[in-house]
Amino acid sequence: MSTIPEPDRDGTPDRHDLFLRLLMRNEPRILAFIRSLVPRHEDAADVLQEVAIVLWQKIDQCPMDDGFLPWSLTIARFQAMAFLRDRKRDRLCFDVETLERIAMAALEESDGYEDRRVALKHCLDRLPAQQRLLVLEAYRSDTRIDQMARRQNKTPMSLYKPLQRIRELLSSCIRGRLKAPQ
């Protein structure tokens, strides 16, 4: 069993340590980028694992600075496209050119991901507990609104309406947070 490498004798972290820190710091952005290309959460998690393996295999080529994220996203794009190409037998598939366009748009969007994530967390925290629980349950990866309604002895429409209002509140709150000076 391997362990995380210790810093060099002079106290500076070695290349493996830096790599692991960069990967952990950027994992949410890499996963969000993959999710923009791969619709299912479970599949995106599988692609992320493949990306981590490729990144580790190419550690000697890895930029250990601000270039890490763009480099990682490029590898993530290739891994996601390979995954989708292998899944071409599924009903809904995009051609390579469309996937490239989606990937490029997602790369451009990824710059503001962390700011939006922080704003969303802040806005979710400001919701009353009942609304927050409703929206969090509705957006769990394994939840369908009709099943949720059945569990609560409600109709799906009685959940769609408050969820739409909550989404509008969150959207407005996030836009306000992103415009406000930090």
N, C-alpha and C. Protein backbone atom coordinates (compact mmCIF):
# COMPACT_ATOMS: atom_id res chain seq x y z
N MET A 1 0.84 -1.18 0.00
CA MET A 1 0.00 0.00 0.00
C MET A 1 0.89 1.24 0.00
N SER A 2 0.63 2.16 -0.92
CA SER A 2 1.46 3.36 -1.00
C SER A 2 0.89 4.46 -0.10
N THR A 3 1.74 5.36 0.28
CA THR A 3 1.33 6.48 1.11
C THR A 3 1.59 7.77 0.37
N ILE A 4 0.99 8.85 0.85
CA ILE A 4 1.24 10.15 0.26
C ILE A 4 2.67 10.54 0.60
N PRO A 5 3.42 10.98 -0.42
CA PRO A 5 4.83 11.29 -0.19
C PRO A 5 5.02 12.41 0.83
N GLU A 6 6.07 12.28 1.57
CA GLU A 6 6.47 13.32 2.53
C GLU A 6 7.17 14.44 1.78
N PRO A 7 7.18 15.65 2.35
CA PRO A 7 7.95 16.73 1.72
C PRO A 7 9.43 16.36 1.68
N ASP A 8 10.12 16.95 0.72
CA ASP A 8 11.57 16.75 0.64
C ASP A 8 12.21 17.23 1.94
N ARG A 9 13.47 16.86 2.13
CA ARG A 9 14.18 17.21 3.37
C ARG A 9 14.23 18.72 3.61
N ASP A 10 14.21 19.50 2.53
CA ASP A 10 14.28 20.95 2.73
C ASP A 10 12.91 21.55 3.07
N GLY A 11 11.88 20.70 3.19
CA GLY A 11 10.56 21.18 3.59
C GLY A 11 9.63 21.51 2.44
N THR A 12 10.13 21.47 1.21
CA THR A 12 9.26 21.76 0.07
C THR A 12 8.54 20.48 -0.36
N PRO A 13 7.26 20.61 -0.69
CA PRO A 13 6.52 19.41 -1.11
C PRO A 13 7.09 18.88 -2.43
N ASP A 14 7.08 17.57 -2.59
CA ASP A 14 7.58 17.00 -3.84
C ASP A 14 6.49 17.10 -4.92
N ARG A 15 6.82 16.69 -6.12
CA ARG A 15 5.93 16.81 -7.28
C ARG A 15 4.62 16.05 -7.06
N HIS A 16 4.68 14.87 -6.45
CA HIS A 16 3.48 14.09 -6.21
C HIS A 16 2.54 14.80 -5.24
N ASP A 17 3.11 15.38 -4.21
CA ASP A 17 2.32 16.11 -3.23
C ASP A 17 1.63 17.32 -3.89
N LEU A 18 2.40 18.07 -4.66
CA LEU A 18 1.82 19.22 -5.37
C LEU A 18 0.71 18.78 -6.31
N PHE A 19 0.94 17.69 -7.02
CA PHE A 19 -0.06 17.17 -7.94
C PHE A 19 -1.35 16.85 -7.20
N LEU A 20 -1.24 16.11 -6.09
CA LEU A 20 -2.44 15.73 -5.33
C LEU A 20 -3.18 16.96 -4.79
N ARG A 21 -2.44 17.95 -4.33
CA ARG A 21 -3.08 19.17 -3.84
C ARG A 21 -3.81 19.90 -4.97
N LEU A 22 -3.18 20.00 -6.12
CA LEU A 22 -3.81 20.66 -7.26
C LEU A 22 -5.04 19.90 -7.73
N LEU A 23 -4.93 18.58 -7.77
CA LEU A 23 -6.07 17.77 -8.20
C LEU A 23 -7.24 17.93 -7.24
N MET A 24 -6.98 17.87 -5.95
CA MET A 24 -8.06 18.00 -4.96
C MET A 24 -8.68 19.40 -5.01
N ARG A 25 -7.87 20.41 -5.18
CA ARG A 25 -8.37 21.78 -5.24
C ARG A 25 -9.25 22.01 -6.47
N ASN A 26 -8.89 21.37 -7.57
CA ASN A 26 -9.58 21.61 -8.84
C ASN A 26 -10.62 20.55 -9.19
N GLU A 27 -10.74 19.52 -8.39
CA GLU A 27 -11.67 18.43 -8.70
C GLU A 27 -13.10 18.91 -8.93
N PRO A 28 -13.66 19.81 -8.11
CA PRO A 28 -15.03 20.25 -8.37
C PRO A 28 -15.20 20.91 -9.74
N ARG A 29 -14.22 21.70 -10.15
CA ARG A 29 -14.31 22.36 -11.46
C ARG A 29 -14.15 21.34 -12.59
N ILE A 30 -13.28 20.37 -12.41
CA ILE A 30 -13.10 19.33 -13.43
C ILE A 30 -14.39 18.52 -13.56
N LEU A 31 -14.98 18.15 -12.42
CA LEU A 31 -16.22 17.38 -12.45
C LEU A 31 -17.35 18.20 -13.08
N ALA A 32 -17.44 19.47 -12.76
CA ALA A 32 -18.49 20.31 -13.37
C ALA A 32 -18.31 20.37 -14.88
N PHE A 33 -17.08 20.48 -15.33
CA PHE A 33 -16.81 20.49 -16.76
C PHE A 33 -17.24 19.17 -17.39
N ILE A 34 -16.90 18.06 -16.76
CA ILE A 34 -17.28 16.74 -17.27
C ILE A 34 -18.80 16.63 -17.31
N ARG A 35 -19.46 17.11 -16.26
CA ARG A 35 -20.93 17.05 -16.20
C ARG A 35 -21.57 17.85 -17.32
N SER A 36 -20.90 18.87 -17.82
CA SER A 36 -21.46 19.63 -18.94
C SER A 36 -21.46 18.81 -20.22
N LEU A 37 -20.64 17.77 -20.26
CA LEU A 37 -20.54 16.92 -21.44
C LEU A 37 -21.21 15.56 -21.26
N VAL A 38 -21.19 15.05 -20.04
CA VAL A 38 -21.72 13.72 -19.73
C VAL A 38 -22.92 13.89 -18.82
N PRO A 39 -24.12 13.61 -19.31
CA PRO A 39 -25.33 13.96 -18.56
C PRO A 39 -25.55 13.24 -17.22
N ARG A 40 -25.20 11.97 -17.11
CA ARG A 40 -25.51 11.23 -15.89
C ARG A 40 -24.41 11.41 -14.84
N HIS A 41 -24.82 11.68 -13.59
CA HIS A 41 -23.87 11.88 -12.49
C HIS A 41 -22.91 10.69 -12.37
N GLU A 42 -23.47 9.48 -12.42
CA GLU A 42 -22.65 8.29 -12.23
C GLU A 42 -21.61 8.17 -13.34
N ASP A 43 -22.01 8.45 -14.57
CA ASP A 43 -21.07 8.38 -15.68
C ASP A 43 -19.99 9.45 -15.55
N ALA A 44 -20.40 10.65 -15.13
CA ALA A 44 -19.42 11.73 -14.95
C ALA A 44 -18.39 11.35 -13.88
N ALA A 45 -18.85 10.70 -12.82
CA ALA A 45 -17.92 10.26 -11.76
C ALA A 45 -16.94 9.23 -12.32
N ASP A 46 -17.43 8.33 -13.17
CA ASP A 46 -16.54 7.35 -13.80
C ASP A 46 -15.51 8.02 -14.70
N VAL A 47 -15.97 9.01 -15.48
CA VAL A 47 -15.04 9.74 -16.35
C VAL A 47 -14.01 10.48 -15.51
N LEU A 48 -14.44 11.08 -14.39
CA LEU A 48 -13.50 11.78 -13.51
C LEU A 48 -12.41 10.83 -13.02
N GLN A 49 -12.78 9.61 -12.68
CA GLN A 49 -11.78 8.64 -12.25
C GLN A 49 -10.78 8.35 -13.37
N GLU A 50 -11.29 8.22 -14.58
CA GLU A 50 -10.40 7.99 -15.73
C GLU A 50 -9.47 9.18 -15.94
N VAL A 51 -10.01 10.38 -15.77
CA VAL A 51 -9.20 11.59 -15.91
C VAL A 51 -8.08 11.59 -14.88
N ALA A 52 -8.42 11.26 -13.63
CA ALA A 52 -7.41 11.23 -12.57
C ALA A 52 -6.30 10.23 -12.90
N ILE A 53 -6.67 9.09 -13.47
CA ILE A 53 -5.67 8.09 -13.83
C ILE A 53 -4.74 8.63 -14.92
N VAL A 54 -5.33 9.24 -15.95
CA VAL A 54 -4.52 9.79 -17.04
C VAL A 54 -3.62 10.91 -16.52
N LEU A 55 -4.18 11.78 -15.67
CA LEU A 55 -3.38 12.87 -15.10
C LEU A 55 -2.18 12.30 -14.34
N TRP A 56 -2.44 11.28 -13.54
CA TRP A 56 -1.36 10.67 -12.75
C TRP A 56 -0.32 10.04 -13.67
N GLN A 57 -0.78 9.38 -14.73
CA GLN A 57 0.15 8.75 -15.67
C GLN A 57 1.02 9.79 -16.38
N LYS A 58 0.48 11.01 -16.53
CA LYS A 58 1.20 12.06 -17.25
C LYS A 58 1.76 13.10 -16.28
N ILE A 59 2.00 12.70 -15.05
CA ILE A 59 2.43 13.64 -14.03
C ILE A 59 3.71 14.40 -14.43
N ASP A 60 4.57 13.76 -15.20
CA ASP A 60 5.81 14.43 -15.61
C ASP A 60 5.55 15.57 -16.60
N GLN A 61 4.41 15.56 -17.27
CA GLN A 61 4.05 16.61 -18.21
C GLN A 61 3.16 17.68 -17.56
N CYS A 62 2.77 17.42 -16.33
CA CYS A 62 1.79 18.25 -15.63
C CYS A 62 2.37 19.60 -15.20
N PRO A 63 1.71 20.71 -15.57
CA PRO A 63 2.15 22.00 -15.05
C PRO A 63 1.74 22.12 -13.57
N MET A 64 2.65 22.46 -12.72
CA MET A 64 2.38 22.54 -11.28
C MET A 64 2.13 23.99 -10.86
N ASP A 65 1.30 24.68 -11.65
CA ASP A 65 0.99 26.08 -11.36
C ASP A 65 -0.40 26.37 -11.89
N ASP A 66 -0.64 27.59 -12.32
CA ASP A 66 -1.96 27.96 -12.83
C ASP A 66 -2.34 27.22 -14.11
N GLY A 67 -1.38 26.58 -14.73
CA GLY A 67 -1.66 25.82 -15.94
C GLY A 67 -2.28 24.46 -15.68
N PHE A 68 -2.36 24.06 -14.41
CA PHE A 68 -2.88 22.73 -14.08
C PHE A 68 -4.34 22.57 -14.51
N LEU A 69 -5.18 23.55 -14.20
CA LEU A 69 -6.60 23.40 -14.51
C LEU A 69 -6.85 23.33 -16.02
N PRO A 70 -6.33 24.26 -16.82
CA PRO A 70 -6.56 24.13 -18.27
C PRO A 70 -6.05 22.80 -18.83
N TRP A 71 -4.89 22.36 -18.35
CA TRP A 71 -4.33 21.08 -18.78
C TRP A 71 -5.27 19.94 -18.40
N SER A 72 -5.77 19.97 -17.17
CA SER A 72 -6.69 18.93 -16.69
C SER A 72 -8.00 18.94 -17.46
N LEU A 73 -8.51 20.13 -17.76
CA LEU A 73 -9.77 20.22 -18.51
C LEU A 73 -9.61 19.70 -19.93
N THR A 74 -8.44 19.89 -20.51
CA THR A 74 -8.19 19.35 -21.84
C THR A 74 -8.23 17.82 -21.80
N ILE A 75 -7.59 17.25 -20.82
CA ILE A 75 -7.61 15.79 -20.67
C ILE A 75 -9.02 15.32 -20.36
N ALA A 76 -9.74 16.07 -19.53
CA ALA A 76 -11.13 15.71 -19.21
C ALA A 76 -12.00 15.73 -20.47
N ARG A 77 -11.76 16.72 -21.32
CA ARG A 77 -12.53 16.79 -22.57
C ARG A 77 -12.29 15.54 -23.41
N PHE A 78 -11.03 15.15 -23.57
CA PHE A 78 -10.74 13.96 -24.37
C PHE A 78 -11.34 12.70 -23.74
N GLN A 79 -11.27 12.59 -22.42
CA GLN A 79 -11.82 11.41 -21.75
C GLN A 79 -13.34 11.38 -21.87
N ALA A 80 -13.98 12.54 -21.73
CA ALA A 80 -15.44 12.60 -21.86
C ALA A 80 -15.87 12.25 -23.28
N MET A 81 -15.15 12.76 -24.25
CA MET A 81 -15.48 12.46 -25.64
C MET A 81 -15.27 10.98 -25.95
N ALA A 82 -14.23 10.39 -25.40
CA ALA A 82 -13.98 8.95 -25.59
C ALA A 82 -15.12 8.16 -24.95
N PHE A 83 -15.54 8.57 -23.76
CA PHE A 83 -16.64 7.89 -23.08
C PHE A 83 -17.90 7.96 -23.93
N LEU A 84 -18.22 9.15 -24.43
CA LEU A 84 -19.43 9.33 -25.23
C LEU A 84 -19.34 8.57 -26.56
N ARG A 85 -18.16 8.54 -27.13
CA ARG A 85 -17.97 7.80 -28.38
C ARG A 85 -18.21 6.31 -28.12
N ASP A 86 -17.72 5.81 -26.99
CA ASP A 86 -17.92 4.41 -26.65
C ASP A 86 -19.39 4.10 -26.36
N ARG A 87 -20.12 5.10 -25.95
CA ARG A 87 -21.54 4.94 -25.62
C ARG A 87 -22.46 5.30 -26.79
N LYS A 88 -21.91 5.38 -27.96
CA LYS A 88 -22.66 5.85 -29.12
C LYS A 88 -23.94 5.05 -29.37
N ARG A 89 -24.01 3.85 -28.85
CA ARG A 89 -25.21 3.03 -29.06
C ARG A 89 -26.41 3.58 -28.29
N ASP A 90 -26.17 4.48 -27.32
CA ASP A 90 -27.30 5.08 -26.61
C ASP A 90 -28.14 5.90 -27.56
N ARG A 91 -29.38 6.15 -27.18
CA ARG A 91 -30.33 6.87 -28.04
C ARG A 91 -29.86 8.26 -28.40
N LEU A 92 -29.43 9.03 -27.42
CA LEU A 92 -29.09 10.43 -27.66
C LEU A 92 -27.58 10.61 -27.70
N CYS A 93 -27.05 10.82 -28.88
CA CYS A 93 -25.62 11.03 -29.03
C CYS A 93 -25.37 12.22 -29.93
N PHE A 94 -24.36 12.99 -29.59
CA PHE A 94 -23.95 14.12 -30.41
C PHE A 94 -22.78 13.69 -31.28
N ASP A 95 -22.65 14.36 -32.42
CA ASP A 95 -21.48 14.09 -33.24
C ASP A 95 -20.27 14.79 -32.62
N VAL A 96 -19.10 14.46 -33.11
CA VAL A 96 -17.85 14.97 -32.52
C VAL A 96 -17.79 16.50 -32.58
N GLU A 97 -18.22 17.08 -33.69
CA GLU A 97 -18.18 18.54 -33.83
C GLU A 97 -19.06 19.22 -32.78
N THR A 98 -20.24 18.68 -32.54
CA THR A 98 -21.14 19.25 -31.53
C THR A 98 -20.51 19.11 -30.14
N LEU A 99 -19.93 17.95 -29.85
CA LEU A 99 -19.27 17.74 -28.57
C LEU A 99 -18.13 18.72 -28.37
N GLU A 100 -17.37 18.98 -29.44
CA GLU A 100 -16.28 19.96 -29.36
C GLU A 100 -16.82 21.34 -29.02
N ARG A 101 -17.93 21.73 -29.64
CA ARG A 101 -18.53 23.04 -29.36
C ARG A 101 -19.00 23.12 -27.90
N ILE A 102 -19.64 22.05 -27.45
CA ILE A 102 -20.09 22.03 -26.06
C ILE A 102 -18.90 22.12 -25.12
N ALA A 103 -17.85 21.37 -25.42
CA ALA A 103 -16.65 21.38 -24.57
C ALA A 103 -16.03 22.77 -24.53
N MET A 104 -15.93 23.44 -25.66
CA MET A 104 -15.34 24.78 -25.69
C MET A 104 -16.20 25.76 -24.89
N ALA A 105 -17.52 25.68 -25.04
CA ALA A 105 -18.41 26.55 -24.28
C ALA A 105 -18.27 26.27 -22.78
N ALA A 106 -18.16 25.00 -22.42
CA ALA A 106 -18.01 24.64 -21.01
C ALA A 106 -16.69 25.14 -20.46
N LEU A 107 -15.63 25.09 -21.26
CA LEU A 107 -14.34 25.63 -20.82
C LEU A 107 -14.45 27.12 -20.52
N GLU A 108 -15.13 27.85 -21.40
CA GLU A 108 -15.30 29.29 -21.17
C GLU A 108 -16.12 29.56 -19.91
N GLU A 109 -17.14 28.73 -19.68
CA GLU A 109 -17.99 28.90 -18.50
C GLU A 109 -17.29 28.50 -17.21
N SER A 110 -16.31 27.60 -17.29
CA SER A 110 -15.70 27.07 -16.07
C SER A 110 -14.96 28.13 -15.27
N ASP A 111 -14.60 29.24 -15.91
CA ASP A 111 -13.88 30.29 -15.19
C ASP A 111 -14.67 30.82 -14.00
N GLY A 112 -15.97 30.97 -14.15
CA GLY A 112 -16.78 31.52 -13.06
C GLY A 112 -17.44 30.48 -12.19
N TYR A 113 -17.08 29.21 -12.39
CA TYR A 113 -17.73 28.13 -11.65
C TYR A 113 -17.63 28.30 -10.13
N GLU A 114 -16.45 28.55 -9.64
CA GLU A 114 -16.26 28.62 -8.18
C GLU A 114 -17.05 29.78 -7.59
N ASP A 115 -17.06 30.93 -8.28
CA ASP A 115 -17.84 32.07 -7.79
C ASP A 115 -19.33 31.72 -7.75
N ARG A 116 -19.83 31.05 -8.78
CA ARG A 116 -21.25 30.67 -8.81
C ARG A 116 -21.56 29.64 -7.73
N ARG A 117 -20.62 28.69 -7.51
CA ARG A 117 -20.84 27.67 -6.48
C ARG A 117 -20.94 28.31 -5.09
N VAL A 118 -20.05 29.25 -4.81
CA VAL A 118 -20.05 29.93 -3.52
C VAL A 118 -21.33 30.74 -3.37
N ALA A 119 -21.74 31.43 -4.44
CA ALA A 119 -22.98 32.22 -4.40
C ALA A 119 -24.18 31.31 -4.17
N LEU A 120 -24.22 30.17 -4.85
CA LEU A 120 -25.34 29.24 -4.66
C LEU A 120 -25.39 28.75 -3.23
N LYS A 121 -24.24 28.39 -2.66
CA LYS A 121 -24.23 27.92 -1.27
C LYS A 121 -24.75 29.00 -0.33
N HIS A 122 -24.30 30.23 -0.53
CA HIS A 122 -24.77 31.34 0.30
C HIS A 122 -26.28 31.50 0.17
N CYS A 123 -26.78 31.46 -1.06
CA CYS A 123 -28.21 31.66 -1.30
C CYS A 123 -29.04 30.49 -0.76
N LEU A 124 -28.53 29.28 -0.89
CA LEU A 124 -29.23 28.13 -0.31
C LEU A 124 -29.31 28.26 1.21
N ASP A 125 -28.22 28.71 1.82
CA ASP A 125 -28.19 28.87 3.28
C ASP A 125 -29.20 29.91 3.76
N ARG A 126 -29.54 30.87 2.91
CA ARG A 126 -30.49 31.92 3.28
C ARG A 126 -31.94 31.48 3.15
N LEU A 127 -32.19 30.37 2.45
CA LEU A 127 -33.56 29.89 2.29
C LEU A 127 -34.10 29.38 3.63
N PRO A 128 -35.41 29.51 3.86
CA PRO A 128 -36.00 28.85 5.03
C PRO A 128 -35.75 27.34 4.94
N ALA A 129 -35.63 26.70 6.07
CA ALA A 129 -35.26 25.28 6.13
C ALA A 129 -36.15 24.41 5.26
N GLN A 130 -37.45 24.63 5.28
CA GLN A 130 -38.37 23.79 4.51
C GLN A 130 -38.10 23.93 3.00
N GLN A 131 -37.88 25.14 2.53
CA GLN A 131 -37.58 25.35 1.11
C GLN A 131 -36.22 24.74 0.74
N ARG A 132 -35.24 24.92 1.60
CA ARG A 132 -33.92 24.37 1.34
C ARG A 132 -33.98 22.84 1.24
N LEU A 133 -34.69 22.20 2.17
CA LEU A 133 -34.82 20.74 2.12
C LEU A 133 -35.55 20.28 0.86
N LEU A 134 -36.58 21.02 0.45
CA LEU A 134 -37.31 20.67 -0.76
C LEU A 134 -36.42 20.71 -1.99
N VAL A 135 -35.67 21.80 -2.13
CA VAL A 135 -34.82 21.93 -3.32
C VAL A 135 -33.66 20.93 -3.29
N LEU A 136 -33.09 20.69 -2.14
CA LEU A 136 -31.99 19.72 -2.05
C LEU A 136 -32.48 18.31 -2.36
N GLU A 137 -33.67 17.96 -1.88
CA GLU A 137 -34.21 16.63 -2.18
C GLU A 137 -34.53 16.51 -3.67
N ALA A 138 -35.08 17.56 -4.25
CA ALA A 138 -35.47 17.51 -5.66
C ALA A 138 -34.26 17.36 -6.58
N TYR A 139 -33.11 17.88 -6.17
CA TYR A 139 -31.93 17.84 -7.04
C TYR A 139 -30.94 16.74 -6.71
N ARG A 140 -31.31 15.84 -5.81
CA ARG A 140 -30.48 14.65 -5.62
C ARG A 140 -30.49 13.87 -6.91
N SER A 141 -29.40 13.21 -7.23
CA SER A 141 -29.28 12.55 -8.54
C SER A 141 -30.27 11.41 -8.74
N ASP A 142 -30.75 10.81 -7.67
CA ASP A 142 -31.65 9.66 -7.83
C ASP A 142 -33.12 10.01 -7.58
N THR A 143 -33.46 11.29 -7.56
CA THR A 143 -34.81 11.71 -7.24
C THR A 143 -35.59 12.08 -8.49
N ARG A 144 -36.83 11.59 -8.54
CA ARG A 144 -37.78 12.03 -9.55
C ARG A 144 -38.93 12.71 -8.83
N ILE A 145 -39.44 13.78 -9.42
CA ILE A 145 -40.48 14.57 -8.76
C ILE A 145 -41.72 13.73 -8.48
N ASP A 146 -42.12 12.87 -9.40
CA ASP A 146 -43.32 12.06 -9.17
C ASP A 146 -43.13 11.13 -7.96
N GLN A 147 -41.94 10.57 -7.80
CA GLN A 147 -41.67 9.71 -6.65
C GLN A 147 -41.66 10.54 -5.36
N MET A 148 -41.05 11.70 -5.44
CA MET A 148 -41.00 12.59 -4.29
C MET A 148 -42.42 12.98 -3.86
N ALA A 149 -43.28 13.29 -4.83
CA ALA A 149 -44.67 13.68 -4.54
C ALA A 149 -45.41 12.53 -3.86
N ARG A 150 -45.21 11.33 -4.38
CA ARG A 150 -45.87 10.16 -3.78
C ARG A 150 -45.46 10.00 -2.32
N ARG A 151 -44.16 10.15 -2.03
CA ARG A 151 -43.68 10.00 -0.64
C ARG A 151 -44.31 11.04 0.28
N GLN A 152 -44.62 12.21 -0.28
CA GLN A 152 -45.18 13.30 0.54
C GLN A 152 -46.70 13.38 0.43
N ASN A 153 -47.31 12.40 -0.25
CA ASN A 153 -48.77 12.40 -0.48
C ASN A 153 -49.24 13.70 -1.13
N LYS A 154 -48.50 14.12 -2.16
CA LYS A 154 -48.83 15.33 -2.90
C LYS A 154 -48.85 15.00 -4.38
N THR A 155 -49.34 15.94 -5.17
CA THR A 155 -49.27 15.78 -6.62
C THR A 155 -47.95 16.36 -7.11
N PRO A 156 -47.45 15.88 -8.24
CA PRO A 156 -46.21 16.46 -8.77
C PRO A 156 -46.33 17.97 -9.00
N MET A 157 -47.47 18.43 -9.48
CA MET A 157 -47.64 19.87 -9.73
C MET A 157 -47.52 20.69 -8.44
N SER A 158 -47.95 20.08 -7.32
CA SER A 158 -47.86 20.82 -6.05
C SER A 158 -46.41 20.97 -5.60
N LEU A 159 -45.49 20.22 -6.21
CA LEU A 159 -44.06 20.39 -5.93
C LEU A 159 -43.38 21.25 -7.00
N TYR A 160 -43.83 21.11 -8.25
CA TYR A 160 -43.22 21.89 -9.33
C TYR A 160 -43.34 23.39 -9.09
N LYS A 161 -44.51 23.82 -8.64
CA LYS A 161 -44.74 25.26 -8.46
C LYS A 161 -43.81 25.87 -7.41
N PRO A 162 -43.75 25.31 -6.20
CA PRO A 162 -42.82 25.91 -5.23
C PRO A 162 -41.35 25.76 -5.66
N LEU A 163 -41.03 24.66 -6.33
CA LEU A 163 -39.65 24.51 -6.81
C LEU A 163 -39.31 25.58 -7.84
N GLN A 164 -40.26 25.92 -8.71
CA GLN A 164 -40.02 26.98 -9.68
C GLN A 164 -39.79 28.31 -8.97
N ARG A 165 -40.60 28.60 -7.95
CA ARG A 165 -40.42 29.85 -7.19
C ARG A 165 -39.06 29.87 -6.48
N ILE A 166 -38.68 28.74 -5.92
CA ILE A 166 -37.38 28.66 -5.23
C ILE A 166 -36.25 28.85 -6.24
N ARG A 167 -36.35 28.23 -7.41
CA ARG A 167 -35.32 28.41 -8.44
C ARG A 167 -35.20 29.87 -8.84
N GLU A 168 -36.33 30.55 -8.97
CA GLU A 168 -36.31 31.97 -9.34
C GLU A 168 -35.65 32.80 -8.23
N LEU A 169 -35.97 32.48 -6.97
CA LEU A 169 -35.33 33.18 -5.84
C LEU A 169 -33.82 32.94 -5.84
N LEU A 170 -33.42 31.69 -6.02
CA LEU A 170 -32.00 31.36 -6.03
C LEU A 170 -31.29 32.06 -7.19
N SER A 171 -31.91 32.05 -8.35
CA SER A 171 -31.31 32.69 -9.52
C SER A 171 -31.10 34.18 -9.27
N SER A 172 -32.10 34.82 -8.73
CA SER A 172 -32.00 36.25 -8.43
C SER A 172 -30.92 36.52 -7.38
N CYS A 173 -30.90 35.70 -6.35
CA CYS A 173 -29.91 35.85 -5.28
C CYS A 173 -28.49 35.66 -5.83
N ILE A 174 -28.31 34.64 -6.66
CA ILE A 174 -26.98 34.36 -7.23
C ILE A 174 -26.53 35.52 -8.11
N ARG A 175 -27.43 36.00 -8.98
CA ARG A 175 -27.07 37.14 -9.84
C ARG A 175 -26.66 38.34 -8.98
N GLY A 176 -27.39 38.60 -7.90
CA GLY A 176 -27.06 39.70 -7.00
C GLY A 176 -25.70 39.52 -6.34
N ARG A 177 -25.42 38.30 -5.89
CA ARG A 177 -24.14 38.00 -5.25
C ARG A 177 -22.96 38.17 -6.22
N LEU A 178 -23.17 37.74 -7.47
CA LEU A 178 -22.09 37.82 -8.45
C LEU A 178 -21.83 39.25 -8.89
N LYS A 179 -22.85 40.11 -8.84
CA LYS A 179 -22.66 41.52 -9.22
C LYS A 179 -22.06 42.33 -8.10
N ALA A 180 -22.33 41.92 -6.85
CA ALA A 180 -21.86 42.67 -5.69
C ALA A 180 -20.35 42.56 -5.56
N PRO A 181 -19.67 43.67 -5.18
CA PRO A 181 -18.22 43.58 -4.94
C PRO A 181 -17.96 42.71 -3.72
N GLN A 182 -16.96 41.86 -3.82
CA GLN A 182 -16.66 40.90 -2.73
C GLN A 182 -15.75 41.51 -1.71
